Amino acid sequence: MYPIVRLIKEVLKARRMRPLAPLDTHVSHHRCWPQDIDQFIEMNNGRILSILDIGRTGLAQRVGLLRALTKNRWGLTVAGSSVMYRKRIRPFTRFRVVSKCVGWDDRFMYLEQSLWIGDACAVQALFRTAVTDHNGIVRPERLMAAMGLRDPSPALPDWVQRWIEADKTRPWPPVDDGMSA
């Protein structure tokens, strides 16, 4: 079940925080609850993705993205991701999620998120996201203008650009190996 109570709590907290510029960092604080764990008594990887989603929502609230989405009746989607899991998150562990936009290209915005237990990074993720309307993808420059911004994207970090290039080599649609019914 999606953690809707956590989502509502995050949006309400983010509303009371100072606004952020598009490339600023949002930090949210969480705890691993019993409903978050799997059979190995650690936070389930799917729940981690949901918590990162909540962190992105807090960021979107603070940078004015949610307001622009609502005003223009736009949607928001994840178009790709890469996640590195490096440390188990045990029940009742407190952690923080650090979320920031690292830039955009002609179609997508790229967000980096990390989950920290004290000084140790447990999870790091890169998301390719897009704003959509009834015609498809809304170009980032149109989105930024709707948010009252005119600045161009900073250069994407090398590792992000390499991920974008590597992902372009992936066959799509995937090759059907004949195993499907």
Foldseek 3Di string as FASTA:
>chain_A
DQPVVLLVVLLVVLLPDAADAQFDKDKDKDFAAPVQDDPVQFGDPVVVVSVVVSRVSSNCNRNVNVVLCVVVVKDKDWPDKDKDFADTHHHGQMKMKMKGWQWDDFFWTKMWIFIDRVPDTGMIMITTMFIADPVGGDTVCVSCVSSVDRDHIDDHPPVVVVVVVVVVPADPPHDDPPPDD
